[in-house]
N, C-alpha and C. Protein backbone atom coordinates (compact mmCIF):
# COMPACT_ATOMS: atom_id res chain seq x y z
N MET A 1 0.82 -1.19 0.00
CA MET A 1 0.00 0.00 0.00
C MET A 1 0.86 1.25 0.00
N ASN A 2 1.93 1.23 0.78
CA ASN A 2 2.82 2.39 0.88
C ASN A 2 3.53 2.63 -0.44
N THR A 3 3.84 1.58 -1.16
CA THR A 3 4.51 1.75 -2.45
C THR A 3 3.56 2.37 -3.47
N GLU A 4 2.26 2.08 -3.34
CA GLU A 4 1.29 2.69 -4.25
C GLU A 4 1.22 4.20 -4.02
N ILE A 5 1.30 4.60 -2.76
CA ILE A 5 1.28 6.03 -2.44
C ILE A 5 2.54 6.70 -2.96
N ASP A 6 3.69 6.05 -2.77
CA ASP A 6 4.93 6.62 -3.27
C ASP A 6 4.91 6.71 -4.79
N ASN A 7 4.38 5.70 -5.46
CA ASN A 7 4.27 5.70 -6.91
C ASN A 7 3.35 6.83 -7.37
N PHE A 8 2.23 7.00 -6.66
CA PHE A 8 1.28 8.07 -6.99
C PHE A 8 1.94 9.44 -6.81
N GLU A 9 2.64 9.62 -5.70
CA GLU A 9 3.33 10.90 -5.45
C GLU A 9 4.39 11.17 -6.52
N ALA A 10 5.08 10.14 -6.94
CA ALA A 10 6.09 10.31 -7.99
C ALA A 10 5.44 10.74 -9.30
N LYS A 11 4.31 10.13 -9.62
CA LYS A 11 3.62 10.51 -10.85
C LYS A 11 3.11 11.95 -10.79
N ILE A 12 2.60 12.34 -9.63
CA ILE A 12 2.11 13.72 -9.46
C ILE A 12 3.26 14.71 -9.59
N SER A 13 4.36 14.44 -8.92
CA SER A 13 5.49 15.38 -9.01
C SER A 13 6.05 15.44 -10.43
N GLN A 14 6.06 14.32 -11.14
CA GLN A 14 6.52 14.34 -12.53
C GLN A 14 5.56 15.16 -13.39
N ALA A 15 4.26 15.00 -13.18
CA ALA A 15 3.28 15.77 -13.96
C ALA A 15 3.41 17.26 -13.65
N LEU A 16 3.65 17.61 -12.41
CA LEU A 16 3.81 19.01 -12.06
C LEU A 16 5.08 19.60 -12.67
N ARG A 17 6.15 18.82 -12.71
CA ARG A 17 7.39 19.31 -13.34
C ARG A 17 7.19 19.52 -14.83
N VAL A 18 6.49 18.60 -15.48
CA VAL A 18 6.22 18.74 -16.92
C VAL A 18 5.33 19.96 -17.15
N GLU A 19 4.32 20.14 -16.30
CA GLU A 19 3.41 21.27 -16.44
C GLU A 19 4.15 22.59 -16.21
N ALA A 20 5.03 22.62 -15.21
CA ALA A 20 5.76 23.85 -14.92
C ALA A 20 6.75 24.19 -16.02
N SER A 21 7.35 23.18 -16.63
CA SER A 21 8.32 23.47 -17.68
C SER A 21 7.65 23.86 -18.99
N SER A 22 6.40 23.44 -19.21
CA SER A 22 5.76 23.74 -20.48
C SER A 22 5.06 25.09 -20.48
N THR A 23 4.81 25.70 -19.32
CA THR A 23 4.16 27.01 -19.28
C THR A 23 5.18 28.07 -18.91
N THR A 24 5.00 29.21 -19.52
CA THR A 24 5.86 30.34 -19.20
C THR A 24 5.15 31.20 -18.16
N PRO A 25 5.87 32.04 -17.45
CA PRO A 25 5.21 32.92 -16.47
C PRO A 25 4.20 33.86 -17.13
N GLU A 26 4.49 34.29 -18.36
CA GLU A 26 3.55 35.17 -19.05
C GLU A 26 2.24 34.46 -19.36
N LEU A 27 2.35 33.20 -19.77
CA LEU A 27 1.15 32.43 -20.07
C LEU A 27 0.33 32.19 -18.79
N ALA A 28 1.00 31.87 -17.72
CA ALA A 28 0.30 31.66 -16.44
C ALA A 28 -0.39 32.95 -16.01
N GLU A 29 0.29 34.08 -16.19
CA GLU A 29 -0.32 35.37 -15.83
C GLU A 29 -1.53 35.68 -16.70
N LYS A 30 -1.45 35.36 -17.99
CA LYS A 30 -2.58 35.58 -18.89
C LYS A 30 -3.76 34.70 -18.50
N ILE A 31 -3.49 33.46 -18.13
CA ILE A 31 -4.55 32.55 -17.73
C ILE A 31 -5.23 33.07 -16.46
N ILE A 32 -4.46 33.50 -15.48
CA ILE A 32 -5.02 34.03 -14.24
C ILE A 32 -5.84 35.29 -14.51
N MET A 33 -5.33 36.16 -15.36
CA MET A 33 -6.07 37.39 -15.69
C MET A 33 -7.38 37.07 -16.41
N ALA A 34 -7.36 36.07 -17.30
CA ALA A 34 -8.59 35.68 -18.01
C ALA A 34 -9.62 35.11 -17.04
N ILE A 35 -9.15 34.32 -16.08
CA ILE A 35 -10.07 33.76 -15.08
C ILE A 35 -10.66 34.87 -14.23
N GLU A 36 -9.83 35.82 -13.80
CA GLU A 36 -10.33 36.94 -12.99
C GLU A 36 -11.29 37.82 -13.78
N LYS A 37 -10.99 38.05 -15.05
CA LYS A 37 -11.88 38.86 -15.89
C LYS A 37 -13.22 38.18 -16.05
N ARG A 38 -13.22 36.87 -16.25
CA ARG A 38 -14.46 36.12 -16.38
C ARG A 38 -15.25 36.16 -15.06
N ALA A 39 -14.58 36.05 -13.94
CA ALA A 39 -15.25 36.10 -12.63
C ALA A 39 -15.86 37.48 -12.40
N ARG A 40 -15.15 38.55 -12.77
CA ARG A 40 -15.70 39.91 -12.63
C ARG A 40 -16.92 40.09 -13.51
N ARG A 41 -16.85 39.59 -14.74
CA ARG A 41 -17.97 39.72 -15.67
C ARG A 41 -19.18 38.95 -15.16
N THR A 42 -18.96 37.77 -14.63
CA THR A 42 -20.05 36.97 -14.07
C THR A 42 -20.66 37.67 -12.86
N ASP A 43 -19.82 38.20 -11.97
CA ASP A 43 -20.32 38.92 -10.79
C ASP A 43 -21.10 40.17 -11.20
N LEU A 44 -20.63 40.88 -12.22
CA LEU A 44 -21.34 42.06 -12.68
C LEU A 44 -22.70 41.69 -13.26
N ALA A 45 -22.74 40.62 -14.04
CA ALA A 45 -24.02 40.19 -14.62
C ALA A 45 -25.00 39.76 -13.53
N LYS A 46 -24.51 39.01 -12.55
CA LYS A 46 -25.38 38.61 -11.44
C LYS A 46 -25.86 39.82 -10.66
N MET A 47 -24.97 40.78 -10.43
CA MET A 47 -25.34 41.97 -9.67
C MET A 47 -26.43 42.75 -10.42
N ILE A 48 -26.32 42.87 -11.72
CA ILE A 48 -27.32 43.59 -12.50
C ILE A 48 -28.66 42.85 -12.47
N VAL A 49 -28.64 41.55 -12.67
CA VAL A 49 -29.89 40.77 -12.69
C VAL A 49 -30.58 40.83 -11.33
N TYR A 50 -29.82 40.62 -10.25
CA TYR A 50 -30.44 40.62 -8.92
C TYR A 50 -30.88 42.02 -8.51
N SER A 51 -30.17 43.05 -8.94
CA SER A 51 -30.61 44.41 -8.63
C SER A 51 -31.90 44.74 -9.36
N LEU A 52 -31.99 44.34 -10.62
CA LEU A 52 -33.24 44.56 -11.36
C LEU A 52 -34.40 43.77 -10.75
N SER A 53 -34.12 42.56 -10.31
CA SER A 53 -35.19 41.79 -9.67
C SER A 53 -35.61 42.43 -8.35
N ALA A 54 -34.67 43.04 -7.63
CA ALA A 54 -35.03 43.74 -6.39
C ALA A 54 -35.91 44.95 -6.69
N VAL A 55 -35.58 45.69 -7.73
CA VAL A 55 -36.39 46.86 -8.10
C VAL A 55 -37.79 46.42 -8.52
N PHE A 56 -37.89 45.39 -9.36
CA PHE A 56 -39.19 44.90 -9.79
C PHE A 56 -39.98 44.32 -8.62
N SER A 57 -39.31 43.63 -7.71
CA SER A 57 -39.99 43.09 -6.53
C SER A 57 -40.55 44.20 -5.67
N LEU A 58 -39.78 45.26 -5.52
CA LEU A 58 -40.26 46.40 -4.73
C LEU A 58 -41.47 47.04 -5.40
N ALA A 59 -41.41 47.20 -6.71
CA ALA A 59 -42.55 47.80 -7.42
C ALA A 59 -43.80 46.93 -7.31
N ILE A 60 -43.65 45.63 -7.48
CA ILE A 60 -44.79 44.73 -7.37
C ILE A 60 -45.33 44.71 -5.94
N PHE A 61 -44.42 44.75 -4.96
CA PHE A 61 -44.87 44.76 -3.56
C PHE A 61 -45.67 46.02 -3.25
N VAL A 62 -45.19 47.17 -3.72
CA VAL A 62 -45.90 48.43 -3.46
C VAL A 62 -47.28 48.42 -4.13
N ILE A 63 -47.35 47.98 -5.38
CA ILE A 63 -48.63 47.92 -6.09
C ILE A 63 -49.59 46.97 -5.38
N THR A 64 -49.09 45.81 -5.00
CA THR A 64 -49.94 44.83 -4.31
C THR A 64 -50.35 45.35 -2.94
N TRP A 65 -49.45 46.01 -2.23
CA TRP A 65 -49.79 46.57 -0.92
C TRP A 65 -50.93 47.58 -1.04
N ARG A 66 -50.84 48.43 -2.04
CA ARG A 66 -51.88 49.45 -2.21
C ARG A 66 -53.25 48.83 -2.50
N SER A 67 -53.27 47.77 -3.30
CA SER A 67 -54.57 47.18 -3.63
C SER A 67 -55.07 46.22 -2.54
N GLU A 68 -54.19 45.44 -1.97
CA GLU A 68 -54.62 44.43 -1.01
C GLU A 68 -54.79 44.99 0.40
N SER A 69 -54.17 46.11 0.71
CA SER A 69 -54.32 46.67 2.05
C SER A 69 -55.75 47.13 2.30
N GLN A 70 -56.46 47.50 1.25
CA GLN A 70 -57.87 47.86 1.40
C GLN A 70 -58.69 46.67 1.91
N TYR A 71 -58.42 45.49 1.38
CA TYR A 71 -59.13 44.30 1.84
C TYR A 71 -58.78 43.97 3.29
N ILE A 72 -57.52 44.15 3.63
CA ILE A 72 -57.08 43.82 4.99
C ILE A 72 -57.71 44.78 6.00
N PHE A 73 -57.66 46.07 5.71
CA PHE A 73 -58.16 47.05 6.67
C PHE A 73 -59.68 47.14 6.70
N ASN A 74 -60.35 46.76 5.62
CA ASN A 74 -61.81 46.81 5.58
C ASN A 74 -62.46 45.51 6.03
N SER A 75 -61.67 44.54 6.44
CA SER A 75 -62.25 43.27 6.86
C SER A 75 -62.85 43.41 8.26
N GLU A 76 -63.55 42.40 8.68
CA GLU A 76 -64.20 42.39 9.99
C GLU A 76 -63.21 42.20 11.12
N THR A 77 -61.96 41.96 10.82
CA THR A 77 -60.96 41.71 11.85
C THR A 77 -60.79 42.92 12.76
N GLY A 78 -60.89 44.10 12.20
CA GLY A 78 -60.75 45.31 13.01
C GLY A 78 -61.83 45.45 14.06
N SER A 79 -63.07 45.17 13.66
CA SER A 79 -64.16 45.26 14.64
C SER A 79 -64.06 44.16 15.68
N LEU A 80 -63.58 42.98 15.26
CA LEU A 80 -63.39 41.91 16.23
C LEU A 80 -62.26 42.22 17.19
N ALA A 81 -61.22 42.90 16.72
CA ALA A 81 -60.12 43.30 17.60
C ALA A 81 -60.60 44.35 18.60
N SER A 82 -61.45 45.26 18.18
CA SER A 82 -61.97 46.25 19.11
C SER A 82 -62.87 45.60 20.16
N LEU A 83 -63.55 44.52 19.81
CA LEU A 83 -64.35 43.77 20.78
C LEU A 83 -63.47 43.17 21.86
N LEU A 84 -62.28 42.74 21.48
CA LEU A 84 -61.33 42.17 22.45
C LEU A 84 -61.00 43.18 23.54
N PHE A 85 -60.81 44.44 23.16
CA PHE A 85 -60.42 45.46 24.15
C PHE A 85 -61.62 46.07 24.86
N SER A 86 -62.80 46.02 24.25
CA SER A 86 -63.96 46.65 24.88
C SER A 86 -64.69 45.70 25.83
N ASP A 87 -64.79 44.43 25.48
CA ASP A 87 -65.55 43.50 26.31
C ASP A 87 -64.73 42.21 26.47
N THR A 88 -63.73 42.28 27.31
CA THR A 88 -62.80 41.15 27.48
C THR A 88 -63.49 39.95 28.11
N GLY A 89 -64.45 40.19 29.00
CA GLY A 89 -65.14 39.08 29.67
C GLY A 89 -65.90 38.19 28.70
N VAL A 90 -66.58 38.79 27.74
CA VAL A 90 -67.32 38.02 26.74
C VAL A 90 -66.35 37.25 25.85
N VAL A 91 -65.24 37.89 25.49
CA VAL A 91 -64.24 37.24 24.63
C VAL A 91 -63.64 36.04 25.35
N LEU A 92 -63.33 36.19 26.65
CA LEU A 92 -62.77 35.07 27.40
C LEU A 92 -63.79 33.94 27.58
N ALA A 93 -65.04 34.29 27.72
CA ALA A 93 -66.07 33.26 27.89
C ALA A 93 -66.29 32.47 26.60
N TYR A 94 -66.23 33.14 25.48
CA TYR A 94 -66.46 32.49 24.19
C TYR A 94 -65.22 32.58 23.31
N TRP A 95 -64.08 32.23 23.86
CA TRP A 95 -62.81 32.42 23.16
C TRP A 95 -62.70 31.56 21.90
N ARG A 96 -63.25 30.36 21.91
CA ARG A 96 -63.16 29.50 20.72
C ARG A 96 -63.93 30.11 19.55
N GLU A 97 -65.14 30.53 19.82
CA GLU A 97 -65.94 31.15 18.78
C GLU A 97 -65.32 32.46 18.30
N TYR A 98 -64.73 33.17 19.25
CA TYR A 98 -64.08 34.44 18.91
C TYR A 98 -62.89 34.20 17.98
N LEU A 99 -62.04 33.24 18.33
CA LEU A 99 -60.88 32.93 17.47
C LEU A 99 -61.33 32.43 16.11
N LEU A 100 -62.35 31.62 16.07
CA LEU A 100 -62.86 31.14 14.79
C LEU A 100 -63.38 32.29 13.94
N SER A 101 -64.06 33.24 14.58
CA SER A 101 -64.56 34.41 13.84
C SER A 101 -63.41 35.27 13.32
N VAL A 102 -62.36 35.41 14.12
CA VAL A 102 -61.19 36.19 13.68
C VAL A 102 -60.52 35.51 12.49
N VAL A 103 -60.35 34.21 12.57
CA VAL A 103 -59.69 33.48 11.48
C VAL A 103 -60.54 33.53 10.21
N GLU A 104 -61.85 33.40 10.36
CA GLU A 104 -62.72 33.45 9.19
C GLU A 104 -62.76 34.82 8.55
N SER A 105 -62.56 35.86 9.35
CA SER A 105 -62.65 37.21 8.79
C SER A 105 -61.34 37.71 8.20
N LEU A 106 -60.26 36.97 8.41
CA LEU A 106 -58.98 37.39 7.85
C LEU A 106 -58.96 37.19 6.33
N PRO A 107 -58.47 38.17 5.60
CA PRO A 107 -58.29 37.99 4.15
C PRO A 107 -57.00 37.20 3.88
N VAL A 108 -57.11 35.90 3.90
CA VAL A 108 -55.94 35.02 3.84
C VAL A 108 -55.18 35.19 2.54
N PHE A 109 -55.88 35.29 1.43
CA PHE A 109 -55.20 35.43 0.14
C PHE A 109 -54.37 36.72 0.09
N SER A 110 -54.92 37.81 0.58
CA SER A 110 -54.20 39.09 0.56
C SER A 110 -52.97 39.03 1.45
N ILE A 111 -53.13 38.46 2.61
CA ILE A 111 -52.00 38.36 3.54
C ILE A 111 -50.93 37.43 2.97
N THR A 112 -51.33 36.32 2.40
CA THR A 112 -50.37 35.39 1.81
C THR A 112 -49.63 36.03 0.64
N ALA A 113 -50.34 36.73 -0.20
CA ALA A 113 -49.70 37.40 -1.34
C ALA A 113 -48.69 38.43 -0.87
N LEU A 114 -49.05 39.21 0.14
CA LEU A 114 -48.12 40.22 0.65
C LEU A 114 -46.90 39.59 1.32
N VAL A 115 -47.10 38.52 2.07
CA VAL A 115 -45.96 37.86 2.72
C VAL A 115 -45.03 37.25 1.68
N LEU A 116 -45.57 36.60 0.67
CA LEU A 116 -44.72 36.01 -0.38
C LEU A 116 -43.97 37.08 -1.16
N LEU A 117 -44.64 38.17 -1.47
CA LEU A 117 -43.95 39.25 -2.20
C LEU A 117 -42.90 39.92 -1.33
N PHE A 118 -43.17 40.04 -0.04
CA PHE A 118 -42.17 40.60 0.87
C PHE A 118 -40.97 39.68 0.97
N TRP A 119 -41.19 38.37 1.02
CA TRP A 119 -40.09 37.42 1.04
C TRP A 119 -39.29 37.50 -0.26
N LEU A 120 -39.96 37.63 -1.39
CA LEU A 120 -39.28 37.78 -2.67
C LEU A 120 -38.44 39.05 -2.70
N LEU A 121 -38.97 40.13 -2.15
CA LEU A 121 -38.24 41.39 -2.08
C LEU A 121 -36.99 41.24 -1.21
N LEU A 122 -37.14 40.66 -0.05
CA LEU A 122 -35.98 40.50 0.85
C LEU A 122 -34.93 39.57 0.26
N SER A 123 -35.35 38.48 -0.36
CA SER A 123 -34.37 37.56 -0.93
C SER A 123 -33.65 38.18 -2.12
N SER A 124 -34.35 38.94 -2.94
CA SER A 124 -33.66 39.58 -4.07
C SER A 124 -32.73 40.68 -3.59
N LEU A 125 -33.11 41.39 -2.53
CA LEU A 125 -32.19 42.38 -1.95
C LEU A 125 -30.96 41.70 -1.37
N TRP A 126 -31.16 40.57 -0.71
CA TRP A 126 -30.04 39.83 -0.14
C TRP A 126 -29.08 39.35 -1.23
N LEU A 127 -29.62 38.77 -2.28
CA LEU A 127 -28.78 38.29 -3.37
C LEU A 127 -28.07 39.45 -4.07
N SER A 128 -28.76 40.56 -4.24
CA SER A 128 -28.15 41.73 -4.88
C SER A 128 -27.00 42.26 -4.04
N LEU A 129 -27.22 42.36 -2.74
CA LEU A 129 -26.17 42.87 -1.86
C LEU A 129 -24.98 41.92 -1.79
N SER A 130 -25.24 40.62 -1.71
CA SER A 130 -24.12 39.68 -1.63
C SER A 130 -23.30 39.68 -2.93
N ASN A 131 -23.97 39.79 -4.07
CA ASN A 131 -23.23 39.85 -5.33
C ASN A 131 -22.49 41.17 -5.48
N TYR A 132 -23.06 42.26 -4.96
CA TYR A 132 -22.36 43.54 -4.97
C TYR A 132 -21.08 43.44 -4.14
N LEU A 133 -21.17 42.80 -2.98
CA LEU A 133 -19.98 42.65 -2.14
C LEU A 133 -18.95 41.75 -2.81
N ASN A 134 -19.37 40.70 -3.52
CA ASN A 134 -18.43 39.86 -4.27
C ASN A 134 -17.76 40.67 -5.37
N PHE A 135 -18.52 41.50 -6.05
CA PHE A 135 -17.96 42.33 -7.12
C PHE A 135 -16.92 43.30 -6.56
N ILE A 136 -17.25 43.95 -5.44
CA ILE A 136 -16.31 44.87 -4.80
C ILE A 136 -15.08 44.11 -4.30
N HIS A 137 -15.29 42.92 -3.74
CA HIS A 137 -14.17 42.12 -3.25
C HIS A 137 -13.21 41.78 -4.38
N HIS A 138 -13.75 41.40 -5.55
CA HIS A 138 -12.89 41.09 -6.68
C HIS A 138 -12.17 42.35 -7.18
N ALA A 139 -12.86 43.49 -7.11
CA ALA A 139 -12.22 44.74 -7.56
C ALA A 139 -11.08 45.12 -6.61
N ILE A 140 -11.27 44.94 -5.31
CA ILE A 140 -10.22 45.27 -4.35
C ILE A 140 -9.08 44.27 -4.46
N LYS A 141 -9.41 43.00 -4.64
CA LYS A 141 -8.40 41.95 -4.74
C LYS A 141 -7.52 42.15 -5.97
N ARG A 142 -8.12 42.71 -7.02
CA ARG A 142 -7.40 42.91 -8.28
C ARG A 142 -6.35 44.01 -8.16
N THR A 143 -6.64 45.04 -7.35
CA THR A 143 -5.71 46.17 -7.27
C THR A 143 -4.59 45.97 -6.32
């Protein structure tokens, strides 16, 4: 087993010597620069795409908020919430029916749509920011 490892190490060192002798420092520098240029271009493209998705997510969230907030605020949930603070004894006595009435009066579709769009907005902002930091990191690393 030990001879197999020694044989493998010998083959690796021979391959590295052949590789080192066949490349010039200029070629190695060109290869590294091409890799870094490709990484910068990829980071820039990702940053643009995620930034645009963040802007569109924000616009869709605002439009949806304006239309769906009317359903949320005009629902019966507000009057049921005021009942909680005005007549606590009745609410405690009939708490199951009260909770069922609150759940039935919630505009579930509107709330779900807003939560999903808010999650989309936050995730696109997160991806945009992380790609921006990668782009800046590559720019600083390059200089």
